[in-house]
């Protein structure tokens, strides 16, 4: 009799790649179907383009007006990303400051809540008065909207650390900053990533709304001004093209923040671990 143990074959998952492909193909097919239905409705009912243009006309307008729309897209993208970066730095820093003491949180957290619940459209005129330039005013407006979700999630994450782990760090004589650096910040990473995904979308929305409120125009204006300009000129295909560009930008920001979250969490956190069953 041989004592050599035959290795047990590991079952393969032949459906894994197929499932991944379906997750990509099905949404694309759904979008194409909706665009086809949209084009059919416009064509069958002979709807004028100044009321509802078809996808083909919108695509043509996107190509024709690319020289006008693309610089505006870059302005909106720049404002969105800079305000999001400032909100990330400010939200994390202020959250760390708040959790150092219950009295500090009691004193300063209501101020952040007041800034959050105040409509940005209401305070945008004041910001425009006191800001040195329109671009700075837009950055401040977008920052204020994206700041609170990041702050709120980060505070919740820093306060949700396992008490057993906190007691273990105390037992080994870890300082407050060592506990913060090696325990609280890593443990709050899932909450931070949630705030990042929310803040990315809100920063884009706030940038557009702030530009609407500011009424900025000219060569340095963003897509919000191009939307208003197209509306005033009844250039509805260009309006839809600008809306399409904003939607694509929002999707890209969401995908980018989701990828960053997956990259940070997929090896250890339950929310991103791959399920084998």
Protein backbone atom coordinates (compact mmCIF):
# COMPACT_ATOMS: atom_id res chain seq x y z
CA UNK A 1 0.00 0.00 0.00
CA UNK A 2 1.30 3.43 -0.86
CA UNK A 3 1.29 6.13 1.82
CA UNK A 4 1.29 8.96 -0.71
CA UNK A 5 -1.77 11.11 -0.15
CA UNK A 6 -3.59 12.20 -3.27
CA UNK A 7 -4.27 15.94 -3.14
CA UNK A 8 -7.90 16.89 -3.15
CA UNK A 9 -8.68 18.87 -6.31
CA UNK A 10 -9.91 22.39 -5.69
CA UNK A 11 -13.19 22.98 -7.51
CA UNK A 12 -12.98 25.66 -10.13
CA UNK A 13 -15.54 28.35 -10.67
CA UNK A 14 -16.30 28.38 -14.39
CA UNK A 15 -19.01 30.98 -13.92
CA UNK A 16 -16.77 33.59 -12.31
CA UNK A 17 -15.65 35.33 -15.51
CA UNK A 18 -19.12 35.00 -16.98
CA UNK A 19 -20.67 36.75 -13.97
CA UNK A 20 -18.12 39.55 -14.21
CA UNK A 21 -18.87 40.02 -17.91
CA UNK A 22 -22.60 40.06 -17.27
CA UNK A 23 -22.20 42.80 -14.66
CA UNK A 24 -20.67 44.96 -17.38
CA UNK A 25 -22.73 43.90 -20.38
CA UNK A 26 -26.21 44.07 -18.81
CA UNK A 27 -25.98 47.76 -17.73
CA UNK A 28 -24.57 48.71 -21.13
CA UNK A 29 -27.39 46.92 -22.93
CA UNK A 30 -29.95 48.58 -20.65
CA UNK A 31 -28.56 52.05 -21.40
CA UNK A 32 -28.53 51.32 -25.14
CA UNK A 33 -32.12 50.08 -24.96
CA UNK A 34 -33.24 53.24 -23.18
CA UNK A 35 -31.46 55.39 -25.75
CA UNK A 36 -33.16 53.43 -28.53
CA UNK A 37 -36.57 53.93 -26.94
CA UNK A 38 -35.84 57.64 -26.53
CA UNK A 39 -34.84 57.98 -30.20
CA UNK A 40 -37.88 56.01 -31.33
CA UNK A 41 -40.27 58.20 -29.34
CA UNK A 42 -38.75 61.38 -30.77
CA UNK A 43 -38.80 60.04 -34.34
CA UNK A 44 -42.29 58.50 -34.30
CA UNK A 45 -43.92 61.53 -32.70
CA UNK A 46 -41.87 64.04 -34.73
CA UNK A 47 -40.97 65.99 -31.58
CA UNK A 48 -39.16 69.25 -32.45
CA UNK A 49 -35.54 69.41 -31.25
CA UNK A 50 -36.22 72.59 -29.26
CA UNK A 51 -38.63 70.54 -27.10
CA UNK A 52 -36.87 67.17 -26.92
CA UNK A 53 -33.87 66.29 -29.09
CA UNK A 54 -33.04 62.69 -29.83
CA UNK A 55 -29.82 60.98 -28.71
CA UNK A 56 -28.41 61.23 -32.25
CA UNK A 57 -28.88 65.00 -32.31
CA UNK A 58 -27.41 65.30 -28.81
CA UNK A 59 -24.34 63.32 -29.92
CA UNK A 60 -23.96 65.58 -32.95
CA UNK A 61 -24.22 68.66 -30.74
CA UNK A 62 -21.62 67.18 -28.39
CA UNK A 63 -19.18 66.79 -31.27
CA UNK A 64 -19.99 70.17 -32.84
CA UNK A 65 -19.79 72.14 -29.57
CA UNK A 66 -16.87 70.19 -28.09
CA UNK A 67 -14.60 73.23 -28.26
CA UNK A 68 -17.05 75.15 -26.06
CA UNK A 69 -18.16 72.40 -23.69
CA UNK A 70 -14.84 70.71 -22.96
CA UNK A 71 -13.12 73.78 -21.39
CA UNK A 72 -16.24 74.28 -19.25
CA UNK A 73 -16.04 70.63 -18.21
CA UNK A 74 -12.42 71.12 -17.15
CA UNK A 75 -13.40 74.12 -15.01
CA UNK A 76 -16.15 72.18 -13.26
CA UNK A 77 -13.86 69.18 -12.78
CA UNK A 78 -11.14 71.34 -11.29
CA UNK A 79 -13.51 72.99 -8.83
CA UNK A 80 -14.99 69.62 -7.86
CA UNK A 81 -11.67 67.85 -7.25
CA UNK A 82 -10.04 70.74 -5.38
CA UNK A 83 -13.06 71.21 -3.13
CA UNK A 84 -13.21 67.45 -2.49
CA UNK A 85 -9.51 67.39 -1.56
CA UNK A 86 -9.99 70.32 0.81
CA UNK A 87 -13.07 68.65 2.31
CA UNK A 88 -11.13 65.43 2.87
CA UNK A 89 -8.27 67.20 4.60
CA UNK A 90 -10.57 69.45 6.64
CA UNK A 91 -13.06 66.71 7.51
CA UNK A 92 -10.43 64.24 8.72
CA UNK A 93 -8.48 66.90 10.62
CA UNK A 94 -11.56 68.35 12.29
CA UNK A 95 -12.85 64.86 13.15
CA UNK A 96 -9.58 63.99 14.87
CA UNK A 97 -9.82 67.27 16.76
CA UNK A 98 -13.41 66.62 17.86
CA UNK A 99 -12.86 63.12 19.26
CA UNK A 100 -10.04 64.22 21.53
CA UNK A 101 -12.53 65.37 24.16
CA UNK A 102 -16.26 65.16 24.76
CA UNK A 103 -16.28 68.86 25.64
CA UNK A 104 -14.59 69.77 22.37
CA UNK A 105 -17.18 67.77 20.42
CA UNK A 106 -20.03 69.36 22.38
CA UNK A 107 -18.69 72.85 21.68
CA UNK A 108 -17.76 72.61 18.00
CA UNK A 109 -19.90 69.88 16.41
CA UNK A 110 -23.13 71.99 16.41
CA UNK A 111 -21.31 74.62 14.33
CA UNK A 112 -20.62 72.03 11.65
CA UNK A 113 -24.26 70.93 11.78
CA UNK A 114 -25.43 74.51 11.29
CA UNK A 115 -23.21 74.90 8.24
CA UNK A 116 -24.56 71.65 6.83
CA UNK A 117 -28.27 72.34 7.26
CA UNK A 118 -28.06 75.89 5.91
CA UNK A 119 -28.92 75.80 2.16
CA UNK A 120 -25.87 76.64 0.10
CA UNK A 121 -27.99 78.73 -2.26
CA UNK A 122 -28.91 80.96 0.68
CA UNK A 123 -25.35 81.72 1.74
CA UNK A 124 -23.78 81.75 -1.74
CA UNK A 125 -24.52 85.49 -2.26
CA UNK A 126 -22.70 86.30 0.99
CA UNK A 127 -19.76 84.14 0.01
CA UNK A 128 -19.63 85.91 -3.35
CA UNK A 129 -19.48 89.27 -1.56
CA UNK A 130 -16.62 88.37 0.78
CA UNK A 131 -14.61 85.98 -1.41
CA UNK A 132 -11.74 87.54 -3.36
CA UNK A 133 -12.90 85.98 -6.65
CA UNK A 134 -15.74 83.98 -8.12
CA UNK A 135 -13.61 80.83 -8.38
CA UNK A 136 -12.74 81.02 -4.69
CA UNK A 137 -16.43 81.48 -3.87
CA UNK A 138 -17.31 78.37 -5.89
CA UNK A 139 -14.61 76.40 -4.08
CA UNK A 140 -15.93 77.51 -0.70
CA UNK A 141 -19.49 76.55 -1.59
CA UNK A 142 -18.49 73.12 -2.88
CA UNK A 143 -16.22 72.60 0.14
CA UNK A 144 -18.99 73.36 2.62
CA UNK A 145 -21.35 70.83 1.02
CA UNK A 146 -18.79 68.01 0.79
CA UNK A 147 -17.23 68.72 4.19
CA UNK A 148 -19.94 67.53 6.57
CA UNK A 149 -20.52 63.98 5.20
CA UNK A 150 -16.80 63.30 5.48
CA UNK A 151 -16.66 64.82 8.96
CA UNK A 152 -19.72 62.93 10.17
CA UNK A 153 -18.55 59.56 8.87
CA UNK A 154 -15.03 60.08 10.18
CA UNK A 155 -16.24 61.03 13.66
CA UNK A 156 -18.48 57.97 13.71
CA UNK A 157 -15.58 55.78 12.63
CA UNK A 158 -13.19 57.14 15.24
CA UNK A 159 -15.82 56.59 17.94
CA UNK A 160 -16.71 53.05 16.80
CA UNK A 161 -13.39 51.38 17.66
CA UNK A 162 -13.69 48.12 19.60
CA UNK A 163 -13.36 48.86 23.31
CA UNK A 164 -11.42 45.64 23.82
CA UNK A 165 -8.76 46.87 21.43
CA UNK A 166 -8.68 50.23 23.20
CA UNK A 167 -8.18 48.46 26.53
CA UNK A 168 -5.40 46.38 24.99
CA UNK A 169 -3.57 49.50 23.80
CA UNK A 170 -3.98 51.01 27.28
CA UNK A 171 -2.64 47.82 28.83
CA UNK A 172 0.53 48.05 26.74
CA UNK A 173 0.97 51.72 27.64
CA UNK A 174 0.31 53.19 24.20
CA UNK A 175 0.10 56.96 24.08
CA UNK A 176 -2.93 58.83 22.78
CA UNK A 177 -1.25 59.53 19.44
CA UNK A 178 -0.08 55.94 19.07
CA UNK A 179 -3.64 54.75 19.69
CA UNK A 180 -4.90 57.24 17.14
CA UNK A 181 -2.30 56.35 14.52
CA UNK A 182 -2.24 52.57 14.85
CA UNK A 183 -5.78 51.77 15.95
CA UNK A 184 -8.41 54.48 15.51
CA UNK A 185 -7.44 55.73 12.05
CA UNK A 186 -7.14 52.23 10.49
CA UNK A 187 -10.39 51.12 12.15
CA UNK A 188 -12.23 54.18 10.83
CA UNK A 189 -11.08 53.61 7.24
CA UNK A 190 -14.40 52.02 6.09
CA UNK A 191 -16.32 55.02 7.44
CA UNK A 192 -13.88 57.37 5.74
CA UNK A 193 -14.37 55.60 2.41
CA UNK A 194 -18.14 55.95 2.77
CA UNK A 195 -17.71 59.67 3.36
CA UNK A 196 -15.39 59.85 0.36
CA UNK A 197 -17.99 58.33 -1.98
CA UNK A 198 -20.73 60.61 -0.67
CA UNK A 199 -18.52 63.69 -0.68
CA UNK A 200 -17.38 63.11 -4.26
CA UNK A 201 -20.93 63.26 -5.60
CA UNK A 202 -21.91 66.17 -3.38
CA UNK A 203 -18.84 68.17 -4.40
CA UNK A 204 -19.91 67.97 -8.04
CA UNK A 205 -23.51 68.88 -7.22
CA UNK A 206 -22.37 71.79 -5.07
CA UNK A 207 -20.00 73.07 -7.75
CA UNK A 208 -22.86 73.20 -10.27
CA UNK A 209 -25.38 74.70 -7.83
CA UNK A 210 -22.86 77.29 -6.65
CA UNK A 211 -22.19 78.33 -10.23
CA UNK A 212 -25.92 78.66 -10.83
CA UNK A 213 -26.17 80.89 -7.74
CA UNK A 214 -23.08 82.89 -8.69
CA UNK A 215 -24.21 83.43 -12.27
CA UNK A 216 -20.60 83.41 -13.43
CA UNK A 217 -20.00 83.79 -17.14
CA UNK A 218 -17.16 84.15 -19.57
CA UNK A 219 -14.24 82.04 -20.69
CA UNK A 220 -13.56 80.68 -17.18
CA UNK A 221 -17.09 79.48 -16.52
CA UNK A 222 -18.10 75.88 -16.01
CA UNK A 223 -20.79 73.64 -17.36
CA UNK A 224 -23.49 75.24 -15.23
CA UNK A 225 -23.16 78.48 -17.21
CA UNK A 226 -23.26 76.52 -20.47
CA UNK A 227 -26.52 74.94 -19.32
CA UNK A 228 -28.04 78.35 -18.63
CA UNK A 229 -26.68 79.76 -21.88
CA UNK A 230 -28.17 76.88 -23.87
CA UNK A 231 -31.51 77.35 -22.13
CA UNK A 232 -31.64 81.08 -22.87
CA UNK A 233 -30.76 80.47 -26.53
CA UNK A 234 -33.15 77.52 -26.82
CA UNK A 235 -30.20 75.38 -27.89
CA UNK A 236 -31.68 72.29 -26.26
CA UNK A 237 -29.33 69.75 -27.94
CA UNK A 238 -26.33 71.55 -26.44
CA UNK A 239 -28.12 71.63 -23.08
CA UNK A 240 -28.57 67.87 -23.19
CA UNK A 241 -24.95 67.47 -24.27
CA UNK A 242 -23.80 69.46 -21.24
CA UNK A 243 -26.04 67.37 -19.00
CA UNK A 244 -24.52 64.23 -20.50
CA UNK A 245 -21.02 65.48 -19.73
CA UNK A 246 -22.01 66.24 -16.13
CA UNK A 247 -23.50 62.77 -15.76
CA UNK A 248 -20.37 61.13 -17.15
CA UNK A 249 -18.21 63.20 -14.80
CA UNK A 250 -20.34 62.12 -11.85
CA UNK A 251 -20.09 58.47 -12.87
CA UNK A 252 -16.31 58.74 -13.23
CA UNK A 253 -15.98 60.32 -9.78
CA UNK A 254 -18.18 57.61 -8.26
CA UNK A 255 -16.20 54.84 -9.96
CA UNK A 256 -12.90 56.40 -8.90
CA UNK A 257 -13.92 56.76 -5.26
CA UNK A 258 -15.41 53.25 -5.26
CA UNK A 259 -12.17 51.85 -6.67
CA UNK A 260 -10.14 53.65 -4.01
CA UNK A 261 -12.45 52.21 -1.35
CA UNK A 262 -12.14 48.71 -2.80
CA UNK A 263 -8.36 49.04 -3.06
CA UNK A 264 -8.15 50.02 0.60
CA UNK A 265 -10.62 47.50 2.05
CA UNK A 266 -10.83 44.43 -0.18
CA UNK A 267 -8.11 42.48 1.65
CA UNK A 268 -9.49 42.75 5.16
CA UNK A 269 -12.91 44.38 5.55
CA UNK A 270 -16.16 42.44 5.37
CA UNK A 271 -17.84 44.98 3.09
CA UNK A 272 -15.32 44.35 0.30
CA UNK A 273 -14.28 40.73 0.76
CA UNK A 274 -15.18 38.47 -2.13
CA UNK A 275 -17.75 35.86 -1.30
CA UNK A 276 -16.96 32.37 -2.47
CA UNK A 277 -20.56 31.16 -2.24
